[in-house]
Structures are given as structure tokens and as C-alpha cells.
Amino acid sequence: MPRTSPSSTPASPAGSSAPDEPPPGGLCAIHQPNFFPRLSTLAKIFASDYWIVLDDVQFARRDYQHRARLGSTTNPAQRQWLSIPTHLPRGRSTLVGEAVLVDPERSRRRVMLMLAQHYGDCTDWPLFRHELESVLLQFRRTGRTADVAEESTRILLRLMGWKGRILHSGRLPARTERSQRLADLAAATGARGYLCGSGGMRYLDVTPFAVPGMAVVPFVTPTVDIWEDAREVSAVHALMINGIPTAAEQLQAVASRHTVGLAQNRRVPGSGGRDDLPFLAEGLGTKLGDQ
């Protein structure tokens, strides 16, 4: 089940805009731009037909918006952070889209060097290195950390063959209460389902999703083989270690399960209780992801 959408992904963050009347149907994921995101995060976006980049919420230094954890190809226990130094103009109140790069050129060189050191010997490195160029160019084109992080996710999605649509929360109307805001954003796409990870499931009030008749779909991934480190290291590691075609097949399988599950489950949120949720984990041998 290829991830398709009536429109293709724009070539760069600057080229992305919200359509006046998005075509209806499919699944929607809402997530902050992460720098070379973890496989669990990438899989959730890949399983969606619409990714709404959450760029107008508070920047979190302890999150993955400006850093990625790389894994060793020879020692599974060895991990190393790859960070891009970021300045918050308004301190802790700085929004994701307001954070700026401290030293773009130095960060650009470090990103290229560390990725080559970790994965330069991998079979699919030349293909990844070709796509990486668009990320490296963002360091020179923009001063915003979010643009670099978003482009790093875009190239992984391109390598996986994703053809969905990317929108930005800052350009869409939405109310302020957390769950209501997510419902408003998702409804703007015309999607039939909102993909929600275990982190969101801990706080989400499903009631606002009943108004547009949208199902809240808990997102699940396997926990073995390629997915063993899916919540810990960057998806780049899985692509380089297992090969891009293998990783694409694995993401496609997870995406297909959620799409089929949504088609078979016609219940939509109503009272706000967890019994109203279309829960797709049964029988999959999986656990909830963390996003």
C-alpha cells in the first residue's frame, strides 16, 4: 500500500504551504521537526498521508529537535549524539520555528563528518550522501534549526518513497487547548484518522475528534529486528545497517496495517473514554511507539 496523496511533497520548507481545500481522506500525523528522527518517529510520519509540522510550540532542548543519536555499525551498545548548537532568542519561551543556528557552517561540517565516519562504509551510503546534500544546503540557506531538522526528515521520507503532503501548524487555524488543537489541525487536512503514539495517548482527550468524525488511531510498531532500537537511535542507522530497500519494506508493512485497520474500524471517538478508540495493536505482536 504505497503512501500516496493528491499532491507531492514540496522540494523545500520554504515551498510548503497549506492548501485552501485539502483533499479528504487518509491518515494525519502531527509532529515537531526532529533532526534525523528516530525510526519510530519516521514510521509514524511515513504511515500518514499528511504530516503537519508542529512548528509553533515551545522548543525543548532535551528533545530531538536539534539532535540525533547515532549508532555504531560494529558495536551495538555504542551511541553518540550528533547535535546542532541552537540559540533560543526568547529563552524557554522560544517556539520551534524561532530557534536559530549558532554556527551554521561549523555545524554543517560536523554533520557531514560524523555521518560519514559512522556510515561511510555502508552499501547505501552513496545514495544517502546524495540526498544529504539538500540538508547541508539548508545550513547555508536559512538560520533556523527547524528548517534543517525538517529537511533531514524529508530526505528520509524521500528515500522511503513517501508521497504525502506536508503542512505547517503555524499556517493553520486551531484553538489553543491541547487536544482540541490537534483535532483542529488534523481536521484541516480532511483526514479520516489521526495517528497518535503512546506519548500522546497518555494525555489525549478524544472528544474533540468526534466533531469532524475522525478516528484516533494508536500508532504501533514492532519491537524486534530492524525495530529493536527504533525508539533510541536515528532512523539513519536502520537505513544504513539494513539497507534502504529493506527499511522501506518494513515501514511499508507497518503503514499498511494502520491503513487496513482504519478501513475496517468504523468507530469514531465519542465520549472521551478509551473504549471509544479504534485500537489496532491486537494481534500485531507489537507495542505502542513513543511518539
C-alpha atoms as a PDB file:
ATOM      1  CA  MET A   1       0.000   0.000   0.000  1.00  0.00           C
ATOM      2  CA  PRO A   2       2.066   2.964  -1.230  1.00  0.00           C
ATOM      3  CA  ARG A   3       1.763   6.180   0.725  1.00  0.00           C
ATOM      4  CA  THR A   4       0.107   8.416  -1.806  1.00  0.00           C
ATOM      5  CA  SER A   5      -1.589  11.780  -1.780  1.00  0.00           C
ATOM      6  CA  PRO A   6      -3.163  14.026  -4.414  1.00  0.00           C
ATOM      7  CA  SER A   7      -0.150  16.342  -4.190  1.00  0.00           C
ATOM      8  CA  SER A   8       3.553  15.739  -3.820  1.00  0.00           C
ATOM      9  CA  THR A   9       5.881  16.922  -1.099  1.00  0.00           C
ATOM     10  CA  PRO A  10       7.392  20.366  -1.775  1.00  0.00           C
ATOM     11  CA  ALA A  11      11.104  20.477  -2.518  1.00  0.00           C
ATOM     12  CA  SER A  12      11.988  22.641   0.470  1.00  0.00           C
ATOM     13  CA  PRO A  13      10.421  24.006   3.661  1.00  0.00           C
ATOM     14  CA  ALA A  14      10.032  27.403   2.058  1.00  0.00           C
ATOM     15  CA  GLY A  15       7.974  25.879  -0.736  1.00  0.00           C
ATOM     16  CA  SER A  16       5.424  24.236   1.533  1.00  0.00           C
ATOM     17  CA  SER A  17       2.090  25.894   2.084  1.00  0.00           C
ATOM     18  CA  ALA A  18      -1.355  24.927   3.284  1.00  0.00           C
ATOM     19  CA  PRO A  19      -3.912  24.417   0.502  1.00  0.00           C
ATOM     20  CA  ASP A  20      -7.254  26.195   0.691  1.00  0.00           C
ATOM     21  CA  GLU A  21      -9.191  22.936   0.415  1.00  0.00           C
ATOM     22  CA  PRO A  22      -7.044  19.876   1.182  1.00  0.00           C
ATOM     23  CA  PRO A  23      -8.350  16.701  -0.472  1.00  0.00           C
ATOM     24  CA  PRO A  24     -10.121  14.480   2.097  1.00  0.00           C
ATOM     25  CA  GLY A  25      -9.266  11.009   3.353  1.00  0.00           C
ATOM     26  CA  GLY A  26      -6.280   9.133   4.719  1.00  0.00           C
ATOM     27  CA  LEU A  27      -4.278   9.457   7.923  1.00  0.00           C
ATOM     28  CA  CYS A  28      -2.719  12.509   9.544  1.00  0.00           C
ATOM     29  CA  ALA A  29       0.366  12.717  11.770  1.00  0.00           C
ATOM     30  CA  ILE A  30       1.325  15.819  13.747  1.00  0.00           C
ATOM     31  CA  HIS A  31       4.908  16.039  14.939  1.00  0.00           C
ATOM     32  CA  GLN A  32       7.624  18.560  15.651  1.00  0.00           C
ATOM     33  CA  PRO A  33      10.533  18.636  13.187  1.00  0.00           C
ATOM     34  CA  ASN A  34      13.189  16.258  14.526  1.00  0.00           C
ATOM     35  CA  PHE A  35      16.797  16.234  13.374  1.00  0.00           C
ATOM     36  CA  PHE A  36      17.267  12.890  11.595  1.00  0.00           C
ATOM     37  CA  PRO A  37      14.361  11.409  13.586  1.00  0.00           C
ATOM     38  CA  ARG A  38      14.253   8.013  15.201  1.00  0.00           C
ATOM     39  CA  LEU A  39      12.807   5.131  13.218  1.00  0.00           C
ATOM     40  CA  SER A  40       9.647   5.090  15.358  1.00  0.00           C
ATOM     41  CA  THR A  41       9.007   8.750  14.537  1.00  0.00           C
ATOM     42  CA  LEU A  42       9.812   8.342  10.857  1.00  0.00           C
ATOM     43  CA  ALA A  43       7.498   5.329  10.658  1.00  0.00           C
ATOM     44  CA  LYS A  44       4.565   7.292  12.063  1.00  0.00           C
ATOM     45  CA  ILE A  45       5.031  10.086   9.532  1.00  0.00           C
ATOM     46  CA  PHE A  46       5.514   7.545   6.737  1.00  0.00           C
ATOM     47  CA  ALA A  47       2.246   5.823   7.697  1.00  0.00           C
ATOM     48  CA  SER A  48       0.395   9.113   7.275  1.00  0.00           C
ATOM     49  CA  ASP A  49      -0.899  10.824   4.164  1.00  0.00           C
ATOM     50  CA  TYR A  50      -0.393  14.244   5.787  1.00  0.00           C
ATOM     51  CA  TRP A  51       2.397  15.364   8.074  1.00  0.00           C
ATOM     52  CA  ILE A  52       1.645  18.566   9.936  1.00  0.00           C
ATOM     53  CA  VAL A  53       4.950  20.015  11.098  1.00  0.00           C
ATOM     54  CA  LEU A  54       4.345  21.324  14.615  1.00  0.00           C
ATOM     55  CA  ASP A  55       6.490  24.449  14.376  1.00  0.00           C
ATOM     56  CA  ASP A  56       4.661  26.845  16.706  1.00  0.00           C
ATOM     57  CA  VAL A  57       5.095  25.083  20.051  1.00  0.00           C
ATOM     58  CA  GLN A  58       7.800  25.586  22.668  1.00  0.00           C
ATOM     59  CA  PHE A  59      11.283  24.389  21.747  1.00  0.00           C
ATOM     60  CA  ALA A  60      12.538  21.628  24.074  1.00  0.00           C
ATOM     61  CA  ARG A  61      16.294  21.278  24.470  1.00  0.00           C
ATOM     62  CA  ARG A  62      16.017  17.774  25.880  1.00  0.00           C
ATOM     63  CA  ASP A  63      14.041  16.585  22.883  1.00  0.00           C
ATOM     64  CA  TYR A  64      15.166  15.636  19.360  1.00  0.00           C
ATOM     65  CA  GLN A  65      14.542  18.913  17.559  1.00  0.00           C
ATOM     66  CA  HIS A  66      18.251  19.742  17.296  1.00  0.00           C
ATOM     67  CA  ARG A  67      19.993  16.443  17.927  1.00  0.00           C
ATOM     68  CA  ALA A  68      20.089  12.804  16.837  1.00  0.00           C
ATOM     69  CA  ARG A  69      21.635   9.731  18.396  1.00  0.00           C
ATOM     70  CA  LEU A  70      23.853   7.751  16.012  1.00  0.00           C
ATOM     71  CA  GLY A  71      24.659   4.073  16.439  1.00  0.00           C
ATOM     72  CA  SER A  72      27.876   2.217  15.735  1.00  0.00           C
ATOM     73  CA  THR A  73      27.989  -0.304  12.879  1.00  0.00           C
ATOM     74  CA  THR A  74      30.374  -2.531  14.830  1.00  0.00           C
ATOM     75  CA  ASN A  75      29.298  -2.125  18.463  1.00  0.00           C
ATOM     76  CA  PRO A  76      25.504  -2.083  19.055  1.00  0.00           C
ATOM     77  CA  ALA A  77      25.955  -0.645  22.549  1.00  0.00           C
ATOM     78  CA  GLN A  78      27.967   2.356  21.355  1.00  0.00           C
ATOM     79  CA  ARG A  79      25.928   5.526  20.770  1.00  0.00           C
ATOM     80  CA  GLN A  80      26.930   9.120  20.032  1.00  0.00           C
ATOM     81  CA  TRP A  81      24.912  12.340  19.949  1.00  0.00           C
ATOM     82  CA  LEU A  82      25.020  14.492  16.840  1.00  0.00           C
ATOM     83  CA  SER A  83      23.816  17.940  17.864  1.00  0.00           C
ATOM     84  CA  ILE A  84      23.461  21.258  16.067  1.00  0.00           C
ATOM     85  CA  PRO A  85      24.038  24.121  18.568  1.00  0.00           C
ATOM     86  CA  THR A  86      20.899  26.219  18.778  1.00  0.00           C
ATOM     87  CA  HIS A  87      20.136  29.646  20.228  1.00  0.00           C
ATOM     88  CA  LEU A  88      16.716  30.418  21.714  1.00  0.00           C
ATOM     89  CA  PRO A  89      16.076  34.170  21.199  1.00  0.00           C
ATOM     90  CA  ARG A  90      13.258  34.242  23.751  1.00  0.00           C
ATOM     91  CA  GLY A  91      14.725  31.763  26.199  1.00  0.00           C
ATOM     92  CA  ARG A  92      12.481  28.907  27.270  1.00  0.00           C
ATOM     93  CA  SER A  93       9.511  30.635  25.608  1.00  0.00           C
ATOM     94  CA  THR A  94      11.100  30.320  22.164  1.00  0.00           C
ATOM     95  CA  LEU A  95       8.949  28.437  19.680  1.00  0.00           C
ATOM     96  CA  VAL A  96      10.322  25.678  17.468  1.00  0.00           C
ATOM     97  CA  GLY A  97      10.171  27.898  14.397  1.00  0.00           C
ATOM     98  CA  GLU A  98      12.040  30.715  16.170  1.00  0.00           C
ATOM     99  CA  ALA A  99      15.139  28.747  17.225  1.00  0.00           C
ATOM    100  CA  VAL A 100      18.256  29.713  15.274  1.00  0.00           C
ATOM    101  CA  LEU A 101      21.563  28.032  14.465  1.00  0.00           C
ATOM    102  CA  VAL A 102      24.546  29.239  16.492  1.00  0.00           C
ATOM    103  CA  ASP A 103      27.277  28.454  13.945  1.00  0.00           C
ATOM    104  CA  PRO A 104      25.714  27.099  10.738  1.00  0.00           C
ATOM    105  CA  GLU A 105      28.959  26.468   8.841  1.00  0.00           C
ATOM    106  CA  ARG A 106      30.653  24.644  11.706  1.00  0.00           C
ATOM    107  CA  SER A 107      27.541  22.544  12.314  1.00  0.00           C
ATOM    108  CA  ARG A 108      27.319  21.740   8.630  1.00  0.00           C
ATOM    109  CA  ARG A 109      30.863  20.395   8.571  1.00  0.00           C
ATOM    110  CA  ARG A 110      30.344  18.387  11.754  1.00  0.00           C
ATOM    111  CA  VAL A 111      27.147  16.777  10.471  1.00  0.00           C
ATOM    112  CA  MET A 112      28.804  15.722   7.235  1.00  0.00           C
ATOM    113  CA  LEU A 113      31.905  14.417   9.029  1.00  0.00           C
ATOM    114  CA  MET A 114      30.122  12.440  11.754  1.00  0.00           C
ATOM    115  CA  LEU A 115      27.648  10.791   9.393  1.00  0.00           C
ATOM    116  CA  ALA A 116      30.493   9.791   7.075  1.00  0.00           C
ATOM    117  CA  GLN A 117      32.508   8.413   9.994  1.00  0.00           C
ATOM    118  CA  HIS A 118      29.599   6.302  11.201  1.00  0.00           C
ATOM    119  CA  TYR A 119      28.115   5.095   7.921  1.00  0.00           C
ATOM    120  CA  GLY A 120      30.577   5.861   5.121  1.00  0.00           C
ATOM    121  CA  ASP A 121      31.367   2.156   4.671  1.00  0.00           C
ATOM    122  CA  CYS A 122      27.724   1.084   4.353  1.00  0.00           C
ATOM    123  CA  THR A 123      26.439  -0.144   0.984  1.00  0.00           C
ATOM    124  CA  ASP A 124      23.755   2.520   0.638  1.00  0.00           C
ATOM    125  CA  TRP A 125      25.902   5.404   1.866  1.00  0.00           C
ATOM    126  CA  PRO A 126      26.386   6.893  -1.659  1.00  0.00           C
ATOM    127  CA  LEU A 127      22.608   7.154  -2.145  1.00  0.00           C
ATOM    128  CA  PHE A 128      22.115   8.654   1.312  1.00  0.00           C
ATOM    129  CA  ARG A 129      25.039  11.038   0.805  1.00  0.00           C
ATOM    130  CA  HIS A 130      23.432  12.318  -2.385  1.00  0.00           C
ATOM    131  CA  GLU A 131      20.199  13.148  -0.542  1.00  0.00           C
ATOM    132  CA  LEU A 132      22.149  14.576   2.394  1.00  0.00           C
ATOM    133  CA  GLU A 133      23.298  17.445   0.198  1.00  0.00           C
ATOM    134  CA  SER A 134      19.890  19.145   0.493  1.00  0.00           C
ATOM    135  CA  VAL A 135      20.208  19.096   4.296  1.00  0.00           C
ATOM    136  CA  LEU A 136      23.707  20.541   4.150  1.00  0.00           C
ATOM    137  CA  LEU A 137      22.443  23.314   1.878  1.00  0.00           C
ATOM    138  CA  GLN A 138      19.845  24.297   4.467  1.00  0.00           C
ATOM    139  CA  PHE A 139      22.632  25.286   6.865  1.00  0.00           C
ATOM    140  CA  ARG A 140      23.624  27.974   4.384  1.00  0.00           C
ATOM    141  CA  ARG A 141      20.171  28.960   3.161  1.00  0.00           C
ATOM    142  CA  THR A 142      18.442  29.528   6.495  1.00  0.00           C
ATOM    143  CA  GLY A 143      19.308  30.411  10.043  1.00  0.00           C
ATOM    144  CA  ARG A 144      16.521  28.294  11.519  1.00  0.00           C
ATOM    145  CA  THR A 145      17.143  24.980  13.250  1.00  0.00           C
ATOM    146  CA  ALA A 146      13.621  23.817  12.340  1.00  0.00           C
ATOM    147  CA  ASP A 147      14.316  24.113   8.607  1.00  0.00           C
ATOM    148  CA  VAL A 148      17.392  21.909   8.884  1.00  0.00           C
ATOM    149  CA  ALA A 149      15.553  19.378  11.031  1.00  0.00           C
ATOM    150  CA  GLU A 150      12.559  19.284   8.695  1.00  0.00           C
ATOM    151  CA  GLU A 151      14.740  18.765   5.646  1.00  0.00           C
ATOM    152  CA  SER A 152      16.556  15.922   7.411  1.00  0.00           C
ATOM    153  CA  THR A 153      13.190  14.188   7.789  1.00  0.00           C
ATOM    154  CA  ARG A 154      12.176  14.995   4.230  1.00  0.00           C
ATOM    155  CA  ILE A 155      15.179  13.208   2.739  1.00  0.00           C
ATOM    156  CA  LEU A 156      14.485  10.074   4.781  1.00  0.00           C
ATOM    157  CA  LEU A 157      10.873  10.126   3.614  1.00  0.00           C
ATOM    158  CA  ARG A 158      12.027  10.532   0.010  1.00  0.00           C
ATOM    159  CA  LEU A 159      14.372   7.576   0.356  1.00  0.00           C
ATOM    160  CA  MET A 160      11.461   5.525   1.689  1.00  0.00           C
ATOM    161  CA  GLY A 161       9.250   6.553  -1.241  1.00  0.00           C
ATOM    162  CA  TRP A 162       6.719   8.605   0.733  1.00  0.00           C
ATOM    163  CA  LYS A 163       4.473  10.800  -1.418  1.00  0.00           C
ATOM    164  CA  GLY A 164       2.363  12.516   1.214  1.00  0.00           C
ATOM    165  CA  ARG A 165       1.681  16.177   1.834  1.00  0.00           C
ATOM    166  CA  ILE A 166       3.477  18.379   4.353  1.00  0.00           C
ATOM    167  CA  LEU A 167       1.707  21.247   6.099  1.00  0.00           C
ATOM    168  CA  HIS A 168       2.759  23.548   8.941  1.00  0.00           C
ATOM    169  CA  SER A 169       0.790  24.157  12.123  1.00  0.00           C
ATOM    170  CA  GLY A 170       1.742  27.840  12.178  1.00  0.00           C
ATOM    171  CA  ARG A 171      -0.202  28.342   8.944  1.00  0.00           C
ATOM    172  CA  LEU A 172      -3.372  26.524  10.001  1.00  0.00           C
ATOM    173  CA  PRO A 173      -6.189  27.824  12.236  1.00  0.00           C
ATOM    174  CA  ALA A 174      -6.608  25.937  15.508  1.00  0.00           C
ATOM    175  CA  ARG A 175      -7.894  26.520  19.024  1.00  0.00           C
ATOM    176  CA  THR A 176      -5.449  26.583  21.940  1.00  0.00           C
ATOM    177  CA  GLU A 177      -6.471  23.676  24.202  1.00  0.00           C
ATOM    178  CA  ARG A 178      -4.035  20.841  23.503  1.00  0.00           C
ATOM    179  CA  SER A 179      -6.363  18.058  22.369  1.00  0.00           C
ATOM    180  CA  GLN A 180      -8.727  20.474  20.630  1.00  0.00           C
ATOM    181  CA  ARG A 181      -5.783  21.988  18.791  1.00  0.00           C
ATOM    182  CA  LEU A 182      -4.648  18.611  17.493  1.00  0.00           C
ATOM    183  CA  ALA A 183      -8.192  17.830  16.380  1.00  0.00           C
ATOM    184  CA  ASP A 184      -8.484  21.177  14.573  1.00  0.00           C
ATOM    185  CA  LEU A 185      -5.146  20.714  12.825  1.00  0.00           C
ATOM    186  CA  ALA A 186      -5.925  17.174  11.746  1.00  0.00           C
ATOM    187  CA  ALA A 187      -9.399  18.186  10.565  1.00  0.00           C
ATOM    188  CA  ALA A 188      -7.849  20.853   8.318  1.00  0.00           C
ATOM    189  CA  THR A 189      -6.404  18.073   6.147  1.00  0.00           C
ATOM    190  CA  GLY A 190      -9.724  16.269   5.718  1.00  0.00           C
ATOM    191  CA  ALA A 191      -8.116  13.077   7.041  1.00  0.00           C
ATOM    192  CA  ARG A 192     -10.281  10.262   8.424  1.00  0.00           C
ATOM    193  CA  GLY A 193      -7.785   9.247  11.102  1.00  0.00           C
ATOM    194  CA  TYR A 194      -5.262  10.857  13.454  1.00  0.00           C
ATOM    195  CA  LEU A 195      -2.162   8.770  14.213  1.00  0.00           C
ATOM    196  CA  CYS A 196      -1.267   9.034  17.899  1.00  0.00           C
ATOM    197  CA  GLY A 197       1.745   7.486  19.661  1.00  0.00           C
ATOM    198  CA  SER A 198       1.821   6.262  23.238  1.00  0.00           C
ATOM    199  CA  GLY A 199       3.115   9.635  24.476  1.00  0.00           C
ATOM    200  CA  GLY A 200       0.055  11.392  23.110  1.00  0.00           C
ATOM    201  CA  MET A 201      -2.285   8.653  24.257  1.00  0.00           C
ATOM    202  CA  ARG A 202      -1.341   9.417  27.869  1.00  0.00           C
ATOM    203  CA  TYR A 203      -2.950  12.853  27.721  1.00  0.00           C
ATOM    204  CA  LEU A 204      -5.190  12.962  24.658  1.00  0.00           C
ATOM    205  CA  ASP A 205      -8.875  13.757  25.114  1.00  0.00           C
ATOM    206  CA  VAL A 206     -10.529  12.108  22.123  1.00  0.00           C
ATOM    207  CA  THR A 207     -13.790  14.051  22.434  1.00  0.00           C
ATOM    208  CA  PRO A 208     -12.797  16.925  20.058  1.00  0.00           C
ATOM    209  CA  PHE A 209     -12.141  14.407  17.295  1.00  0.00           C
ATOM    210  CA  ALA A 210     -15.799  13.348  17.303  1.00  0.00           C
ATOM    211  CA  VAL A 211     -16.967  16.610  15.719  1.00  0.00           C
ATOM    212  CA  PRO A 212     -15.147  16.061  12.402  1.00  0.00           C
ATOM    213  CA  GLY A 213     -15.883  12.310  12.709  1.00  0.00           C
ATOM    214  CA  MET A 214     -12.222  11.396  12.896  1.00  0.00           C
ATOM    215  CA  ALA A 215     -10.839   8.182  14.368  1.00  0.00           C
ATOM    216  CA  VAL A 216      -7.921   8.376  16.792  1.00  0.00           C
ATOM    217  CA  VAL A 217      -5.560   5.609  15.699  1.00  0.00           C
ATOM    218  CA  PRO A 218      -2.917   4.488  18.238  1.00  0.00           C
ATOM    219  CA  PHE A 219       0.331   4.091  16.326  1.00  0.00           C
ATOM    220  CA  VAL A 220       2.210   0.843  16.884  1.00  0.00           C
ATOM    221  CA  THR A 221       5.495  -0.574  15.652  1.00  0.00           C
ATOM    222  CA  PRO A 222       7.180  -3.955  16.108  1.00  0.00           C
ATOM    223  CA  THR A 223       9.943  -4.300  18.692  1.00  0.00           C
ATOM    224  CA  VAL A 224      12.235  -6.851  17.032  1.00  0.00           C
ATOM    225  CA  ASP A 225      14.755  -6.967  14.189  1.00  0.00           C
ATOM    226  CA  ILE A 226      15.053  -3.581  12.467  1.00  0.00           C
ATOM    227  CA  TRP A 227      12.777  -2.053  15.132  1.00  0.00           C
ATOM    228  CA  GLU A 228      14.836  -3.079  18.158  1.00  0.00           C
ATOM    229  CA  ASP A 229      16.435   0.377  18.507  1.00  0.00           C
ATOM    230  CA  ALA A 230      13.615   2.294  16.826  1.00  0.00           C
ATOM    231  CA  ARG A 231      12.955   4.472  19.878  1.00  0.00           C
ATOM    232  CA  GLU A 232      16.604   5.171  20.696  1.00  0.00           C
ATOM    233  CA  VAL A 233      18.722   5.916  17.613  1.00  0.00           C
ATOM    234  CA  SER A 234      18.232   7.881  14.417  1.00  0.00           C
ATOM    235  CA  ALA A 235      16.462   6.170  11.529  1.00  0.00           C
ATOM    236  CA  VAL A 236      19.627   6.793   9.510  1.00  0.00           C
ATOM    237  CA  HIS A 237      21.179   3.904  11.439  1.00  0.00           C
ATOM    238  CA  ALA A 238      18.458   1.454  10.386  1.00  0.00           C
ATOM    239  CA  LEU A 239      18.651   2.564   6.760  1.00  0.00           C
ATOM    240  CA  MET A 240      22.428   2.205   6.605  1.00  0.00           C
ATOM    241  CA  ILE A 241      22.729  -1.064   8.563  1.00  0.00           C
ATOM    242  CA  ASN A 242      19.822  -2.908   6.951  1.00  0.00           C
ATOM    243  CA  GLY A 243      19.775  -1.220   3.574  1.00  0.00           C
ATOM    244  CA  ILE A 244      17.312   1.332   2.231  1.00  0.00           C
ATOM    245  CA  PRO A 245      15.098  -1.225   0.375  1.00  0.00           C
ATOM    246  CA  THR A 246      14.727  -3.379   3.499  1.00  0.00           C
ATOM    247  CA  ALA A 247      13.900  -0.378   5.675  1.00  0.00           C
ATOM    248  CA  ALA A 248      11.337   0.817   3.127  1.00  0.00           C
ATOM    249  CA  GLU A 249       9.652  -2.609   3.118  1.00  0.00           C
ATOM    250  CA  GLN A 250       9.448  -2.618   6.908  1.00  0.00           C
ATOM    251  CA  LEU A 251       7.924   0.875   7.053  1.00  0.00           C
ATOM    252  CA  GLN A 252       5.511  -0.047   4.290  1.00  0.00           C
ATOM    253  CA  ALA A 253       4.322  -3.100   6.234  1.00  0.00           C
ATOM    254  CA  VAL A 254       3.633  -1.027   9.356  1.00  0.00           C
ATOM    255  CA  ALA A 255       1.867   1.658   7.318  1.00  0.00           C
ATOM    256  CA  SER A 256      -0.333  -0.922   5.615  1.00  0.00           C
ATOM    257  CA  ARG A 257      -1.501  -2.346   8.927  1.00  0.00           C
ATOM    258  CA  HIS A 258      -2.695   1.032  10.107  1.00  0.00           C
ATOM    259  CA  THR A 259      -4.437   1.858   6.845  1.00  0.00           C
ATOM    260  CA  VAL A 260      -6.222  -1.504   6.742  1.00  0.00           C
ATOM    261  CA  GLY A 261      -7.143  -1.183  10.396  1.00  0.00           C
ATOM    262  CA  LEU A 262      -8.648   2.252   9.831  1.00  0.00           C
ATOM    263  CA  ALA A 263     -10.685   0.963   6.892  1.00  0.00           C
ATOM    264  CA  GLN A 264     -12.044  -1.953   8.929  1.00  0.00           C
ATOM    265  CA  ASN A 265     -12.757   0.010  12.094  1.00  0.00           C
ATOM    266  CA  ARG A 266     -15.629   2.452  11.626  1.00  0.00           C
ATOM    267  CA  ARG A 267     -15.860   3.619  15.239  1.00  0.00           C
ATOM    268  CA  VAL A 268     -15.015   7.232  15.950  1.00  0.00           C
ATOM    269  CA  PRO A 269     -14.319   8.931  19.291  1.00  0.00           C
ATOM    270  CA  GLY A 270     -17.407   9.902  21.222  1.00  0.00           C
ATOM    271  CA  SER A 271     -17.483  10.079  24.979  1.00  0.00           C
ATOM    272  CA  GLY A 272     -13.785  10.627  25.511  1.00  0.00           C
ATOM    273  CA  GLY A 273     -13.245   7.243  27.131  1.00  0.00           C
ATOM    274  CA  ARG A 274     -10.546   4.880  25.920  1.00  0.00           C
ATOM    275  CA  ASP A 275     -13.201   2.346  24.845  1.00  0.00           C
ATOM    276  CA  ASP A 276     -14.094   4.737  22.023  1.00  0.00           C
ATOM    277  CA  LEU A 277     -10.637   4.458  20.486  1.00  0.00           C
ATOM    278  CA  PRO A 278     -10.039   2.252  17.421  1.00  0.00           C
ATOM    279  CA  PHE A 279      -7.140   0.312  18.959  1.00  0.00           C
ATOM    280  CA  LEU A 280      -5.100  -1.504  16.314  1.00  0.00           C
ATOM    281  CA  ALA A 281      -2.427  -3.243  18.377  1.00  0.00           C
ATOM    282  CA  GLU A 282      -4.296  -6.502  18.963  1.00  0.00           C
ATOM    283  CA  GLY A 283      -2.894  -9.420  17.059  1.00  0.00           C
ATOM    284  CA  LEU A 284       0.061  -7.462  15.632  1.00  0.00           C
ATOM    285  CA  GLY A 285       2.623  -8.633  18.151  1.00  0.00           C
ATOM    286  CA  THR A 286       3.593  -5.011  18.737  1.00  0.00           C
ATOM    287  CA  LYS A 287       3.805  -2.403  21.429  1.00  0.00           C
ATOM    288  CA  LEU A 288       2.908   1.237  21.246  1.00  0.00           C
ATOM    289  CA  GLY A 289       5.550   3.547  19.899  1.00  0.00           C
ATOM    290  CA  ASP A 290       6.672   6.532  21.921  1.00  0.00           C
ATOM    291  CA  GLN A 291       5.602   9.362  19.631  1.00  0.00           C
END
